[in-house]
Amino acid sequence: VEKNATNGLNAEQTVAFDLFLEGQSLCLTGAAGTGKSHIIRYITRHCQEQVIPYGLTGMTGVAACLIGGQTIHKWTGLGLIDKPVDRCVRTILENTKVKERWQTTRVLIIDEVSMLNQELFEKLNRIAQKVRQSTDFFGGIQMVFCGDFCQLAPIKGAFCFESAQWHEALSERTVYLREVQRQDNPE
């Protein structure tokens, strides 16, 4: 796969970025070194240049730190996100700053999504729908999920991709990166 000289992305990465530009939620997956973080940087740079409100998150502190973001738990304003959906929604709506973040964010990136279990994935979707008063997937936030499902599994429960909501929203918009970018010598 060759890189496109005009945008610095290879063909697989370009497919992902084009889906993003179309306003589609997507999942970006592939082995270590295939350019997932590169696409995240590309998307965040685009959001900054176009003044698109976005959230940059990871499932762990380390993942968040590596991409210059924060944990999804901090971004939501809910900590462990262990309360029932209606209580989570109330907590968000009672905090002006957190409520505004939920209601104005147009793009939300979650890295190391392989660690997001089905239950939490579905809960976040319901919370977003209620806070944003929309039945659209994640209340209309354009979601970019990124990670390698062969590396890290959820601590408990099923993978997020086992959810019917995942299949409905993302099964046709999952981009598999196969070309290792991090090194020239495959050995």
Protein backbone atom coordinates (compact mmCIF):
# COMPACT_ATOMS: atom_id res chain seq x y z
CA VAL A 1 0.00 0.00 0.00
CA GLU A 2 1.53 3.28 -1.06
CA LYS A 3 1.18 6.59 0.70
CA ASN A 4 -0.65 9.37 -1.05
CA ALA A 5 1.90 12.15 -1.37
CA THR A 6 -0.78 14.84 -1.04
CA ASN A 7 -2.07 13.81 2.36
CA GLY A 8 0.56 11.51 3.90
CA LEU A 9 -1.92 8.65 4.28
CA ASN A 10 -1.81 5.23 2.68
CA ALA A 11 -4.87 3.81 0.87
CA GLU A 12 -6.32 2.12 3.99
CA GLN A 13 -5.84 5.24 6.10
CA THR A 14 -7.40 7.36 3.35
CA VAL A 15 -10.52 5.16 3.41
CA ALA A 16 -10.83 5.81 7.15
CA PHE A 17 -10.27 9.54 6.80
CA ASP A 18 -12.78 9.75 3.93
CA LEU A 19 -15.42 8.03 6.10
CA PHE A 20 -14.65 10.58 8.79
CA LEU A 21 -14.97 13.49 6.35
CA GLU A 22 -18.37 12.11 5.25
CA GLY A 23 -19.51 12.47 8.87
CA GLN A 24 -19.68 8.73 9.49
CA SER A 25 -18.94 7.09 12.80
CA LEU A 26 -16.29 4.43 12.32
CA CYS A 27 -14.04 1.87 13.93
CA LEU A 28 -10.37 1.85 13.05
CA THR A 29 -8.57 -1.37 13.88
CA GLY A 30 -5.33 -3.14 13.07
CA ALA A 31 -2.20 -4.53 14.65
CA ALA A 32 0.37 -2.40 16.46
CA GLY A 33 2.24 -0.05 14.16
CA THR A 34 -0.35 0.08 11.36
CA GLY A 35 -1.04 3.79 11.79
CA LYS A 36 -4.07 4.01 14.09
CA SER A 37 -2.53 6.80 16.18
CA HIS A 38 -1.48 8.57 12.97
CA ILE A 39 -5.12 8.69 11.85
CA ILE A 40 -6.18 9.96 15.28
CA ARG A 41 -3.66 12.81 14.98
CA TYR A 42 -4.86 13.50 11.45
CA ILE A 43 -8.51 13.65 12.57
CA THR A 44 -7.76 15.86 15.59
CA ARG A 45 -5.69 18.23 13.44
CA HIS A 46 -8.62 18.47 11.00
CA CYS A 47 -11.04 19.19 13.87
CA GLN A 48 -8.73 21.91 15.19
CA GLU A 49 -8.31 23.51 11.76
CA GLN A 50 -12.06 23.43 11.07
CA VAL A 51 -12.96 24.47 14.66
CA ILE A 52 -15.01 21.30 15.20
CA PRO A 53 -15.62 20.59 18.91
CA TYR A 54 -14.12 17.17 19.63
CA GLY A 55 -13.19 14.92 22.52
CA LEU A 56 -9.99 12.89 22.51
CA THR A 57 -10.15 10.00 24.94
CA GLY A 58 -8.68 6.62 25.80
CA MET A 59 -9.94 3.73 27.86
CA THR A 60 -6.93 3.94 30.19
CA GLY A 61 -4.79 6.77 31.49
CA VAL A 62 -1.80 5.50 29.54
CA ALA A 63 -3.77 5.27 26.27
CA ALA A 64 -5.19 8.76 26.83
CA CYS A 65 -1.78 10.19 27.66
CA LEU A 66 -0.18 8.69 24.55
CA ILE A 67 -2.65 10.51 22.28
CA GLY A 68 -2.75 13.73 24.31
CA GLY A 69 -6.29 13.20 25.58
CA GLN A 70 -8.03 12.15 28.76
CA THR A 71 -9.78 9.00 29.89
CA ILE A 72 -13.32 8.46 28.68
CA HIS A 73 -14.30 8.31 32.36
CA LYS A 74 -13.00 11.84 32.98
CA TRP A 75 -14.45 13.19 29.72
CA THR A 76 -17.94 11.92 30.61
CA GLY A 77 -17.79 13.58 34.03
CA LEU A 78 -19.02 10.31 35.53
CA GLY A 79 -15.90 8.66 36.95
CA LEU A 80 -16.42 4.90 36.93
CA ILE A 81 -19.75 5.20 35.06
CA ASP A 82 -21.17 2.62 37.45
CA LYS A 83 -24.53 4.26 38.20
CA PRO A 84 -27.80 3.62 36.34
CA VAL A 85 -28.27 5.56 33.10
CA ASP A 86 -30.87 8.00 34.49
CA ARG A 87 -28.64 8.86 37.43
CA CYS A 88 -25.66 9.39 35.10
CA VAL A 89 -27.77 11.71 32.94
CA ARG A 90 -28.85 13.69 36.02
CA THR A 91 -25.22 14.03 37.12
CA ILE A 92 -24.25 15.37 33.69
CA LEU A 93 -27.15 17.81 33.48
CA GLU A 94 -26.37 19.19 36.95
CA ASN A 95 -22.81 20.14 35.92
CA THR A 96 -22.88 23.05 33.46
CA LYS A 97 -19.38 22.43 32.06
CA VAL A 98 -19.90 18.68 31.58
CA LYS A 99 -23.40 19.19 30.14
CA GLU A 100 -22.04 21.70 27.61
CA ARG A 101 -19.24 19.30 26.63
CA TRP A 102 -21.75 16.49 25.99
CA GLN A 103 -24.11 18.73 24.05
CA THR A 104 -21.58 20.56 21.87
CA THR A 105 -19.08 17.82 21.02
CA ARG A 106 -19.40 16.84 17.38
CA VAL A 107 -16.63 14.21 17.26
CA LEU A 108 -15.62 11.84 20.06
CA ILE A 109 -12.56 9.63 19.67
CA ILE A 110 -12.09 6.63 21.97
CA ASP A 111 -8.72 4.86 21.76
CA GLU A 112 -8.04 1.31 23.02
CA VAL A 113 -11.71 0.56 22.39
CA SER A 114 -10.98 -3.17 22.73
CA MET A 115 -11.13 -2.59 26.49
CA LEU A 116 -14.66 -1.14 26.25
CA ASN A 117 -17.09 -3.90 27.13
CA GLN A 118 -20.55 -4.31 25.60
CA GLU A 119 -22.39 -3.13 28.71
CA LEU A 120 -20.44 0.14 29.00
CA PHE A 121 -20.64 0.75 25.24
CA GLU A 122 -24.43 0.43 25.29
CA LYS A 123 -24.68 2.53 28.46
CA LEU A 124 -22.61 5.37 26.95
CA ASN A 125 -24.80 5.27 23.84
CA ARG A 126 -28.00 5.58 25.96
CA ILE A 127 -26.50 8.36 28.10
CA ALA A 128 -25.50 10.34 25.00
CA GLN A 129 -28.95 9.87 23.47
CA LYS A 130 -30.67 11.14 26.61
CA VAL A 131 -28.32 14.06 27.28
CA ARG A 132 -28.52 15.18 23.65
CA GLN A 133 -32.22 14.32 23.33
CA SER A 134 -31.66 12.31 20.16
CA THR A 135 -32.25 8.67 19.29
CA ASP A 136 -29.33 8.76 16.83
CA PHE A 137 -26.27 6.61 17.57
CA PHE A 138 -24.47 8.29 20.49
CA GLY A 139 -27.01 11.10 20.29
CA GLY A 140 -25.59 12.25 16.97
CA ILE A 141 -21.95 12.54 18.07
CA GLN A 142 -19.67 11.28 15.31
CA MET A 143 -17.79 8.44 17.01
CA VAL A 144 -14.29 7.29 16.09
CA PHE A 145 -13.39 4.06 17.86
CA CYS A 146 -9.81 2.94 17.58
CA GLY A 147 -7.94 -0.11 18.81
CA ASP A 148 -6.66 -3.62 18.29
CA PHE A 149 -9.14 -6.23 19.47
CA CYS A 150 -6.34 -8.83 19.42
CA GLN A 151 -4.26 -6.92 21.99
CA LEU A 152 -6.37 -5.94 24.97
CA ALA A 153 -9.71 -7.40 26.03
CA PRO A 154 -12.29 -5.94 28.40
CA ILE A 155 -11.62 -6.75 32.04
CA LYS A 156 -15.05 -8.35 32.26
CA GLY A 157 -17.96 -8.89 29.93
CA ALA A 158 -18.31 -9.20 26.18
CA PHE A 159 -16.45 -7.13 23.60
CA CYS A 160 -18.27 -3.95 22.51
CA PHE A 161 -18.41 -5.24 18.93
CA GLU A 162 -20.73 -8.02 20.15
CA SER A 163 -23.47 -5.44 20.71
CA ALA A 164 -26.38 -5.22 18.27
CA GLN A 165 -25.95 -1.43 18.46
CA TRP A 166 -22.35 -1.80 17.29
CA HIS A 167 -23.40 -4.01 14.37
CA GLU A 168 -26.13 -1.61 13.33
CA ALA A 169 -23.93 1.49 13.44
CA LEU A 170 -20.42 0.27 12.63
CA SER A 171 -20.29 -3.11 10.91
CA GLU A 172 -20.09 -1.47 7.46
CA ARG A 173 -17.71 1.24 8.68
CA THR A 174 -14.88 -0.72 10.26
CA VAL A 175 -11.53 -0.10 8.61
CA TYR A 176 -8.80 -2.71 9.06
CA LEU A 177 -5.28 -1.34 8.77
CA ARG A 178 -2.89 -4.07 7.66
CA GLU A 179 0.32 -2.36 6.56
CA VAL A 180 2.85 -1.89 9.34
CA GLN A 181 4.01 1.73 9.19
CA ARG A 182 6.30 1.90 12.19
CA GLN A 183 9.25 0.13 10.61
CA ASP A 184 10.61 -0.50 7.15
CA ASN A 185 12.07 -3.94 7.87
CA PRO A 186 9.21 -6.45 8.44
CA GLU A 187 11.55 -8.82 10.31
